[in-house]
């Protein structure tokens, strides 16, 4: 359509239509957008006045726009500057650089977390890098003493496939032992064939927790040829993938279980035991590894298996336990076996070690058996025959010991209370003492 005809039919000037047409030819539809002026609200104002308004808006604590306008009005009157309106002051404050506002009012840490450019790391191959971290779960369980307890979860996550390679759930603060148990499960073969993740990672990415900075983990990483990398202090962005998994656990699994803690509501009564929660977590991990990941477009299990490959494995489970299971005690082999935590462990191999001091290592989650070492060489597994068909954890043994000690202490206190009470003796009625005889002779009338 000729522009002259379009001008007659739309009442838009021909020159305007020619200008629009030229802008469309040059920049497309973007050229027809109305661009806002860079000096909106500040034109016709002295640059020093604009900087003054911006400086007041960047001061801590930040004053209200009305306060800034009142201060600027007084300064303009004294310096004979044009007085800006409230809307002009508001436009100047509104168009400030958000990064500048965050840095000035919230500090460098907030600016770093909100506005600094980051490079998102992505492992190219499975087992190239694992992440490990802890979180306190939003659920209450029944503790070993029968009281409500809030458990912790340690997870090992493969960075490339997002697959959960291992985990452990426990009560009490995170420790090197709990981390070792999670690594043991992640590295070694699982009994469930649907959970194939195993092997040694090239890099283990952790934070600066005391268990992750321990000498034991550092020595274990050296022995297993794992590069240990600690994240930057106060930079949670580096652990975003495992933090996302923790959020999935809290929102999708724990919200469906009894004892879930909801913000703003009183804490519920716990009903699950730690073992029941462990079973629920194991089932959820199996589901999580098999469902399609929104970012990968495939399941973590399929991404980990990829085209098929052989993971790097330790020589044996015994060698792995020797490095990871850090709980070691020295015991003397007696004729009836090894005594530990009130239990007796026996093995035919111990016949040649009677009277000798050996090193024992054990899994705190199951102390029905111990591993015996002599000069860092594995000797045998010794079992407790009374509980060989069931698992007995160290916490259960300690809880039973503490309960027995409390019962004995109560009996002692009861008996001491009886001893300390004053003994009542029968009262003896004494005959009245005879009146003393007077040495003076008295008359009969004096006795009346």
Protein backbone atom coordinates (compact mmCIF):
# COMPACT_ATOMS: atom_id res chain seq x y z
CA UNK A 1 0.00 0.00 0.00
CA UNK A 2 1.48 3.38 -0.87
CA UNK A 3 2.34 5.45 2.19
CA UNK A 4 0.44 8.47 0.80
CA UNK A 5 -2.78 6.43 0.64
CA UNK A 6 -2.16 5.04 4.13
CA UNK A 7 -1.69 8.59 5.43
CA UNK A 8 -5.02 9.69 3.96
CA UNK A 9 -6.90 6.69 5.44
CA UNK A 10 -5.35 6.78 8.93
CA UNK A 11 -4.85 10.52 9.46
CA UNK A 12 -1.19 9.85 10.31
CA UNK A 13 1.27 12.25 8.78
CA UNK A 14 3.16 11.07 5.72
CA UNK A 15 6.49 12.12 7.24
CA UNK A 16 5.73 10.07 10.35
CA UNK A 17 4.86 7.01 8.27
CA UNK A 18 8.09 7.38 6.30
CA UNK A 19 10.09 7.57 9.52
CA UNK A 20 8.37 4.46 10.91
CA UNK A 21 8.96 2.62 7.65
CA UNK A 22 12.65 3.49 7.72
CA UNK A 23 12.99 2.29 11.33
CA UNK A 24 11.23 -0.97 10.47
CA UNK A 25 13.55 -1.53 7.49
CA UNK A 26 16.58 -0.94 9.70
CA UNK A 27 15.70 -2.75 12.97
CA UNK A 28 12.52 -4.75 12.32
CA UNK A 29 9.73 -4.69 14.89
CA UNK A 30 12.22 -3.66 17.61
CA UNK A 31 12.73 -0.40 15.76
CA UNK A 32 9.05 0.49 16.18
CA UNK A 33 9.15 0.19 20.01
CA UNK A 34 9.07 3.40 21.99
CA UNK A 35 12.44 3.66 23.71
CA UNK A 36 12.54 5.28 27.11
CA UNK A 37 14.93 8.16 27.57
CA UNK A 38 18.08 7.45 29.55
CA UNK A 39 17.68 10.80 31.31
CA UNK A 40 14.02 10.32 32.22
CA UNK A 41 13.16 12.39 35.25
CA UNK A 42 16.57 14.04 35.39
CA UNK A 43 16.60 16.24 32.27
CA UNK A 44 16.63 19.94 32.89
CA UNK A 45 18.16 19.22 36.33
CA UNK A 46 21.77 20.03 37.22
CA UNK A 47 23.96 16.88 37.28
CA UNK A 48 25.01 17.66 40.87
CA UNK A 49 21.34 17.63 41.93
CA UNK A 50 20.78 14.25 40.27
CA UNK A 51 23.86 12.84 42.02
CA UNK A 52 22.62 14.27 45.32
CA UNK A 53 19.27 12.49 44.97
CA UNK A 54 21.03 9.24 44.05
CA UNK A 55 23.40 9.59 46.99
CA UNK A 56 20.52 10.05 49.43
CA UNK A 57 18.80 6.95 47.97
CA UNK A 58 21.99 4.89 48.42
CA UNK A 59 22.62 5.89 52.02
CA UNK A 60 22.00 3.47 54.91
CA UNK A 61 19.42 3.28 56.27
CA UNK A 62 17.64 4.22 53.07
CA UNK A 63 15.24 7.14 53.66
CA UNK A 64 11.73 7.23 52.21
CA UNK A 65 11.13 9.01 48.90
CA UNK A 66 9.16 11.71 50.75
CA UNK A 67 12.11 12.29 53.07
CA UNK A 68 14.51 12.53 50.13
CA UNK A 69 12.17 15.03 48.41
CA UNK A 70 11.96 17.23 51.51
CA UNK A 71 15.76 17.29 51.92
CA UNK A 72 16.30 18.04 48.23
CA UNK A 73 13.73 20.85 48.33
CA UNK A 74 15.63 22.57 51.14
CA UNK A 75 19.00 22.15 49.41
CA UNK A 76 17.60 23.49 46.11
CA UNK A 77 16.24 26.56 47.83
CA UNK A 78 19.63 27.28 49.39
CA UNK A 79 21.59 26.74 46.14
CA UNK A 80 18.98 28.26 43.82
CA UNK A 81 18.48 25.02 41.90
CA UNK A 82 15.17 24.12 40.24
CA UNK A 83 13.04 22.19 42.68
CA UNK A 84 12.16 18.70 41.30
CA UNK A 85 8.71 17.30 41.89
CA UNK A 86 8.05 14.17 43.92
CA UNK A 87 7.53 12.10 40.74
CA UNK A 88 10.85 13.28 39.30
CA UNK A 89 12.68 12.25 42.49
CA UNK A 90 10.91 8.90 42.38
CA UNK A 91 11.94 8.35 38.74
CA UNK A 92 15.58 9.08 39.55
CA UNK A 93 15.59 6.65 42.47
CA UNK A 94 13.70 3.99 40.48
CA UNK A 95 16.17 4.03 37.58
CA UNK A 96 19.22 3.40 39.79
CA UNK A 97 21.31 0.35 38.88
CA UNK A 98 19.92 -2.60 40.94
CA UNK A 99 23.44 -3.91 41.50
CA UNK A 100 24.53 -0.55 42.88
CA UNK A 101 21.51 -0.44 45.20
CA UNK A 102 22.18 -3.99 46.47
CA UNK A 103 25.88 -3.33 47.04
CA UNK A 104 25.22 -0.05 48.87
CA UNK A 105 22.31 -1.19 51.06
CA UNK A 106 22.83 -4.94 51.56
CA UNK A 107 26.58 -5.38 51.32
CA UNK A 108 29.10 -7.25 49.22
CA UNK A 109 27.85 -10.74 50.16
CA UNK A 110 24.31 -10.00 48.99
CA UNK A 111 25.59 -8.37 45.81
CA UNK A 112 27.76 -11.42 45.12
CA UNK A 113 24.84 -13.82 45.55
CA UNK A 114 22.39 -11.78 43.47
CA UNK A 115 24.30 -9.99 40.73
CA UNK A 116 27.74 -11.49 40.18
CA UNK A 117 28.19 -13.60 37.07
CA UNK A 118 28.88 -17.25 37.86
CA UNK A 119 30.12 -20.16 35.79
CA UNK A 120 28.01 -23.24 36.34
CA UNK A 121 30.17 -26.32 36.61
CA UNK A 122 29.07 -29.53 34.89
CA UNK A 123 30.94 -32.83 34.98
CA UNK A 124 31.21 -34.40 31.56
CA UNK A 125 31.33 -38.06 32.64
CA UNK A 126 29.74 -40.16 35.42
CA UNK A 127 31.92 -40.51 38.52
CA UNK A 128 34.05 -37.60 37.34
CA UNK A 129 32.82 -35.64 40.36
CA UNK A 130 30.64 -36.46 43.35
CA UNK A 131 29.08 -33.98 45.74
CA UNK A 132 28.49 -34.72 49.41
CA UNK A 133 26.63 -32.70 52.01
CA UNK A 134 24.41 -32.97 55.11
CA UNK A 135 20.95 -31.63 55.91
CA UNK A 136 18.65 -31.80 58.92
CA UNK A 137 15.37 -33.33 57.79
CA UNK A 138 12.01 -31.67 58.45
CA UNK A 139 10.62 -34.67 60.32
CA UNK A 140 10.57 -36.07 63.85
CA UNK A 141 11.27 -39.74 64.59
CA UNK A 142 11.27 -41.81 67.76
CA UNK A 143 14.80 -41.82 69.13
CA UNK A 144 16.55 -44.70 70.83
CA UNK A 145 15.50 -43.30 74.21
CA UNK A 146 11.85 -43.00 73.14
CA UNK A 147 12.01 -39.22 72.87
CA UNK A 148 11.36 -37.15 69.71
CA UNK A 149 14.49 -36.62 67.63
CA UNK A 150 15.20 -34.81 64.37
CA UNK A 151 17.42 -36.88 62.06
CA UNK A 152 20.18 -35.85 59.67
CA UNK A 153 20.78 -37.04 56.10
CA UNK A 154 24.16 -37.36 54.36
CA UNK A 155 23.98 -37.82 50.59
CA UNK A 156 26.49 -38.63 47.85
CA UNK A 157 25.34 -37.25 44.46
CA UNK A 158 26.95 -37.77 41.05
CA UNK A 159 27.39 -34.36 39.41
CA UNK A 160 27.01 -35.51 35.80
CA UNK A 161 23.94 -37.75 36.06
CA UNK A 162 22.38 -36.33 39.27
CA UNK A 163 22.16 -39.95 40.48
CA UNK A 164 22.13 -40.64 44.21
CA UNK A 165 25.09 -42.99 44.72
CA UNK A 166 24.78 -43.39 48.48
CA UNK A 167 23.29 -41.93 51.62
CA UNK A 168 22.97 -42.46 55.35
CA UNK A 169 20.37 -41.20 57.81
CA UNK A 170 21.30 -40.87 61.47
CA UNK A 171 20.62 -39.14 64.76
CA UNK A 172 23.02 -36.69 66.30
CA UNK A 173 25.40 -34.23 64.70
CA UNK A 174 27.22 -35.07 61.43
CA UNK A 175 30.52 -36.84 61.97
CA UNK A 176 33.34 -38.41 60.01
CA UNK A 177 31.84 -41.84 60.68
CA UNK A 178 28.50 -40.95 59.09
CA UNK A 179 30.30 -39.55 56.06
CA UNK A 180 32.39 -42.72 55.83
CA UNK A 181 29.27 -44.90 55.93
CA UNK A 182 27.67 -42.90 53.11
CA UNK A 183 30.85 -43.18 51.04
CA UNK A 184 31.05 -46.90 51.72
CA UNK A 185 27.54 -47.42 50.37
CA UNK A 186 28.21 -45.15 47.38
CA UNK A 187 31.48 -46.81 46.36
CA UNK A 188 30.66 -50.49 46.78
CA UNK A 189 28.19 -52.65 44.84
CA UNK A 190 24.57 -52.51 46.07
CA UNK A 191 22.49 -55.59 46.71
CA UNK A 192 19.70 -54.10 44.60
CA UNK A 193 20.54 -54.57 40.87
CA UNK A 194 18.31 -51.57 40.05
CA UNK A 195 20.81 -49.38 41.92
CA UNK A 196 23.98 -49.83 39.81
CA UNK A 197 25.84 -46.67 40.90
CA UNK A 198 29.22 -47.57 42.38
CA UNK A 199 32.93 -46.96 41.94
CA UNK A 200 35.47 -44.37 42.99
CA UNK A 201 35.02 -40.75 41.87
CA UNK A 202 37.82 -38.66 40.45
CA UNK A 203 36.77 -35.63 42.53
CA UNK A 204 34.80 -35.37 45.78
CA UNK A 205 33.31 -31.88 46.20
CA UNK A 206 32.42 -30.99 49.82
CA UNK A 207 32.06 -27.97 52.08
CA UNK A 208 34.14 -26.97 55.11
CA UNK A 209 32.39 -29.09 57.75
CA UNK A 210 34.60 -30.60 60.43
CA UNK A 211 34.01 -34.11 59.10
CA UNK A 212 34.95 -33.07 55.55
CA UNK A 213 38.14 -31.34 56.72
CA UNK A 214 39.24 -34.21 58.98
CA UNK A 215 42.62 -35.86 58.52
CA UNK A 216 40.92 -39.25 58.16
CA UNK A 217 38.97 -38.17 55.05
CA UNK A 218 42.08 -36.52 53.59
CA UNK A 219 44.15 -39.68 54.09
CA UNK A 220 41.35 -41.84 52.70
CA UNK A 221 41.10 -39.64 49.61
CA UNK A 222 44.85 -40.01 49.03
CA UNK A 223 44.74 -43.80 49.44
CA UNK A 224 41.76 -44.12 47.07
CA UNK A 225 43.22 -41.61 44.56
CA UNK A 226 40.31 -39.18 44.97
CA UNK A 227 40.87 -35.45 44.61
CA UNK A 228 39.21 -33.69 47.53
CA UNK A 229 37.93 -30.16 46.72
CA UNK A 230 36.28 -27.87 49.28
CA UNK A 231 33.77 -25.27 48.15
CA UNK A 232 34.32 -21.58 48.75
CA UNK A 233 33.28 -20.50 52.23
CA UNK A 234 29.79 -18.94 52.37
CA UNK A 235 29.12 -19.74 48.70
CA UNK A 236 26.20 -22.22 48.59
CA UNK A 237 25.84 -21.79 44.82
CA UNK A 238 28.56 -24.36 44.27
CA UNK A 239 26.43 -27.02 45.96
CA UNK A 240 23.19 -26.11 44.23
CA UNK A 241 22.57 -29.56 42.75
CA UNK A 242 22.67 -31.44 46.02
CA UNK A 243 20.74 -28.65 47.76
CA UNK A 244 18.03 -29.09 45.14
CA UNK A 245 17.86 -32.82 45.94
CA UNK A 246 17.48 -32.01 49.64
CA UNK A 247 14.57 -29.73 48.76
CA UNK A 248 12.99 -32.54 46.76
CA UNK A 249 13.31 -34.89 49.76
CA UNK A 250 11.64 -32.42 52.11
CA UNK A 251 8.78 -31.46 49.79
CA UNK A 252 7.99 -34.75 48.05
CA UNK A 253 8.83 -37.48 50.58
CA UNK A 254 8.75 -36.06 54.09
CA UNK A 255 5.51 -34.14 53.50
CA UNK A 256 3.74 -37.51 53.07
CA UNK A 257 5.16 -39.13 56.22
CA UNK A 258 3.87 -38.86 59.80
CA UNK A 259 5.91 -36.52 61.95
CA UNK A 260 6.55 -33.98 59.17
CA UNK A 261 7.46 -30.54 60.55
CA UNK A 262 5.47 -27.69 59.02
CA UNK A 263 6.59 -24.10 59.49
CA UNK A 264 4.17 -22.08 61.60
CA UNK A 265 2.59 -25.16 63.20
CA UNK A 266 3.45 -26.93 66.47
CA UNK A 267 5.78 -29.88 66.20
CA UNK A 268 3.92 -33.17 65.60
CA UNK A 269 4.14 -36.36 67.61
CA UNK A 270 6.71 -38.71 66.04
CA UNK A 271 5.53 -42.14 64.92
CA UNK A 272 8.30 -43.47 62.68
CA UNK A 273 11.50 -45.08 63.88
CA UNK A 274 14.84 -44.29 62.29
CA UNK A 275 14.81 -47.67 60.53
CA UNK A 276 11.36 -46.99 59.05
CA UNK A 277 12.53 -43.60 57.78
CA UNK A 278 15.60 -45.28 56.29
CA UNK A 279 13.37 -47.71 54.38
CA UNK A 280 11.21 -44.85 53.07
CA UNK A 281 14.32 -42.98 51.92
CA UNK A 282 15.69 -46.05 50.14
CA UNK A 283 12.42 -46.49 48.23
CA UNK A 284 12.35 -42.79 47.30
CA UNK A 285 15.97 -42.87 46.08
CA UNK A 286 15.10 -45.79 43.78
CA UNK A 287 12.16 -43.80 42.37
CA UNK A 288 14.26 -40.63 42.03
CA UNK A 289 17.03 -42.39 40.11
CA UNK A 290 14.53 -43.90 37.64
CA UNK A 291 12.35 -40.88 36.84
CA UNK A 292 13.15 -38.34 34.14
CA UNK A 293 15.19 -35.37 35.33
CA UNK A 294 13.79 -32.07 34.04
CA UNK A 295 17.21 -30.68 33.13
CA UNK A 296 18.80 -33.85 31.71
CA UNK A 297 15.80 -35.08 29.75
CA UNK A 298 16.50 -38.63 30.94
CA UNK A 299 16.63 -40.48 34.25
CA UNK A 300 19.73 -40.21 36.47
CA UNK A 301 20.13 -43.98 36.26
CA UNK A 302 20.20 -43.93 32.45
CA UNK A 303 22.54 -40.92 32.45
CA UNK A 304 24.93 -42.73 34.81
CA UNK A 305 24.97 -45.95 32.78
CA UNK A 306 25.29 -43.97 29.50
CA UNK A 307 26.77 -46.19 26.78
CA UNK A 308 28.23 -48.63 29.27
CA UNK A 309 31.53 -48.29 31.08
CA UNK A 310 33.49 -49.85 33.96
CA UNK A 311 33.84 -47.76 37.13
CA UNK A 312 37.09 -47.68 39.06
CA UNK A 313 36.67 -49.96 42.09
CA UNK A 314 38.74 -50.71 45.23
CA UNK A 315 40.36 -54.13 45.36
CA UNK A 316 38.02 -55.52 48.01
CA UNK A 317 35.40 -54.51 50.53
CA UNK A 318 37.84 -55.28 53.32
CA UNK A 319 40.32 -52.74 51.94
CA UNK A 320 37.55 -50.18 51.63
CA UNK A 321 36.40 -50.79 55.20
CA UNK A 322 39.94 -50.52 56.47
CA UNK A 323 40.09 -46.99 55.05
CA UNK A 324 36.56 -45.74 55.70
CA UNK A 325 35.49 -47.35 58.96
CA UNK A 326 37.48 -45.11 61.24
CA UNK A 327 36.17 -46.55 64.52
CA UNK A 328 39.06 -48.68 65.65
CA UNK A 329 39.70 -50.19 69.07
CA UNK A 330 42.48 -52.28 70.50
CA UNK A 331 41.46 -55.50 72.24
CA UNK A 332 43.21 -58.57 73.63
CA UNK A 333 42.09 -61.92 72.27
CA UNK A 334 41.01 -64.09 75.19
CA UNK A 335 40.37 -67.80 75.29
CA UNK A 336 36.62 -67.22 74.90
CA UNK A 337 37.01 -64.62 72.11
CA UNK A 338 37.07 -60.81 71.98
CA UNK A 339 34.91 -58.80 74.34
CA UNK A 340 33.58 -55.44 73.15
CA UNK A 341 30.61 -53.32 74.31
CA UNK A 342 29.49 -56.11 76.65
CA UNK A 343 29.33 -58.63 73.77
CA UNK A 344 31.60 -61.58 72.98
CA UNK A 345 32.88 -62.18 69.46
CA UNK A 346 34.34 -65.49 68.33
CA UNK A 347 35.94 -66.94 65.21
CA UNK A 348 37.99 -70.11 64.66
CA UNK A 349 40.78 -67.98 63.17
CA UNK A 350 41.31 -66.31 66.54
CA UNK A 351 42.73 -69.54 67.98
CA UNK A 352 46.20 -68.52 66.87
CA UNK A 353 45.90 -65.05 68.43
CA UNK A 354 44.95 -65.86 72.05
CA UNK A 355 46.72 -63.49 74.41
CA UNK A 356 47.72 -61.09 71.63
CA UNK A 357 46.55 -57.50 71.15
CA UNK A 358 44.66 -56.89 67.91
CA UNK A 359 42.86 -53.99 66.24
CA UNK A 360 39.13 -54.29 65.68
CA UNK A 361 36.99 -52.20 63.33
CA UNK A 362 33.21 -52.16 63.31
CA UNK A 363 30.16 -50.64 61.69
CA UNK A 364 28.27 -48.61 64.33
CA UNK A 365 24.96 -49.47 62.62
CA UNK A 366 25.53 -53.21 63.07
CA UNK A 367 27.88 -54.51 65.77
CA UNK A 368 26.83 -58.14 65.48
CA UNK A 369 30.20 -58.64 63.79
CA UNK A 370 33.62 -57.00 63.94
CA UNK A 371 36.66 -57.10 61.67
CA UNK A 372 39.96 -58.06 63.24
CA UNK A 373 43.32 -56.72 62.03
CA UNK A 374 46.85 -57.59 63.05
CA UNK A 375 49.49 -55.03 62.06
CA UNK A 376 47.09 -53.52 59.47
CA UNK A 377 46.47 -56.93 57.90
CA UNK A 378 42.96 -58.34 57.85
CA UNK A 379 42.66 -61.48 60.00
CA UNK A 380 38.99 -62.45 60.09
CA UNK A 381 35.43 -61.51 60.88
CA UNK A 382 34.32 -62.30 64.41
CA UNK A 383 30.59 -62.58 65.15
CA UNK A 384 28.50 -62.37 68.26
CA UNK A 385 26.69 -65.72 68.40
CA UNK A 386 23.85 -64.42 70.54
CA UNK A 387 22.77 -61.90 67.88
CA UNK A 388 24.16 -63.42 64.66
CA UNK A 389 20.70 -63.43 63.03
CA UNK A 390 19.79 -59.81 63.80
CA UNK A 391 21.33 -56.37 63.65
CA UNK A 392 22.27 -54.63 66.85
CA UNK A 393 23.46 -51.03 66.55
CA UNK A 394 25.91 -49.37 68.88
CA UNK A 395 23.27 -46.79 69.81
CA UNK A 396 20.92 -49.56 70.95
CA UNK A 397 23.65 -51.05 73.13
CA UNK A 398 24.45 -47.64 74.60
CA UNK A 399 20.75 -46.91 75.22
CA UNK A 400 20.32 -50.25 77.00
CA UNK A 401 23.42 -49.60 79.09
CA UNK A 402 22.21 -46.12 80.03
CA UNK A 403 18.76 -47.45 80.96
CA UNK A 404 20.32 -50.10 83.18
CA UNK A 405 22.58 -47.52 84.80
CA UNK A 406 19.60 -45.23 85.48
CA UNK A 407 17.67 -48.10 87.04
CA UNK A 408 20.60 -48.96 89.31
CA UNK A 409 21.05 -45.31 90.22
CA UNK A 410 17.37 -45.04 91.13
CA UNK A 411 17.69 -48.09 93.39
CA UNK A 412 20.78 -46.65 95.05
CA UNK A 413 19.11 -43.29 95.64
CA UNK A 414 16.08 -45.01 97.13
CA UNK A 415 18.20 -46.93 99.60
CA UNK A 416 20.35 -43.94 100.48
CA UNK A 417 17.18 -41.97 101.23
CA UNK A 418 16.14 -44.62 103.76
CA UNK A 419 19.53 -44.53 105.41
CA UNK A 420 19.63 -40.74 105.60
CA UNK A 421 16.15 -40.46 107.19
CA UNK A 422 16.20 -39.96 111.01
CA UNK A 423 15.46 -43.15 112.93
CA UNK A 424 12.49 -42.89 115.31
CA UNK A 425 13.14 -44.36 118.85
CA UNK A 426 10.42 -45.30 121.35
CA UNK A 427 9.75 -42.69 124.04
CA UNK A 428 10.47 -43.83 127.68
CA UNK A 429 8.21 -42.44 130.39
CA UNK A 430 10.36 -41.56 133.39
CA UNK A 431 9.05 -41.55 136.96
CA UNK A 432 8.92 -38.11 138.61
CA UNK A 433 11.96 -37.36 140.70
CA UNK A 434 11.34 -37.35 144.50
CA UNK A 435 11.17 -33.94 146.14
CA UNK A 436 14.42 -32.99 147.83
CA UNK A 437 14.47 -33.35 151.59
CA UNK A 438 14.93 -30.12 153.46
CA UNK A 439 17.64 -29.96 156.01
CA UNK A 440 15.58 -27.57 158.23
CA UNK A 441 12.91 -28.72 160.55
CA UNK A 442 9.51 -27.27 159.64
CA UNK A 443 6.17 -27.11 161.42
CA UNK A 444 3.00 -28.88 160.38
CA UNK A 445 1.23 -25.60 159.60
CA UNK A 446 3.88 -24.69 157.02
CA UNK A 447 2.79 -27.64 154.80
CA UNK A 448 -0.70 -26.27 154.29
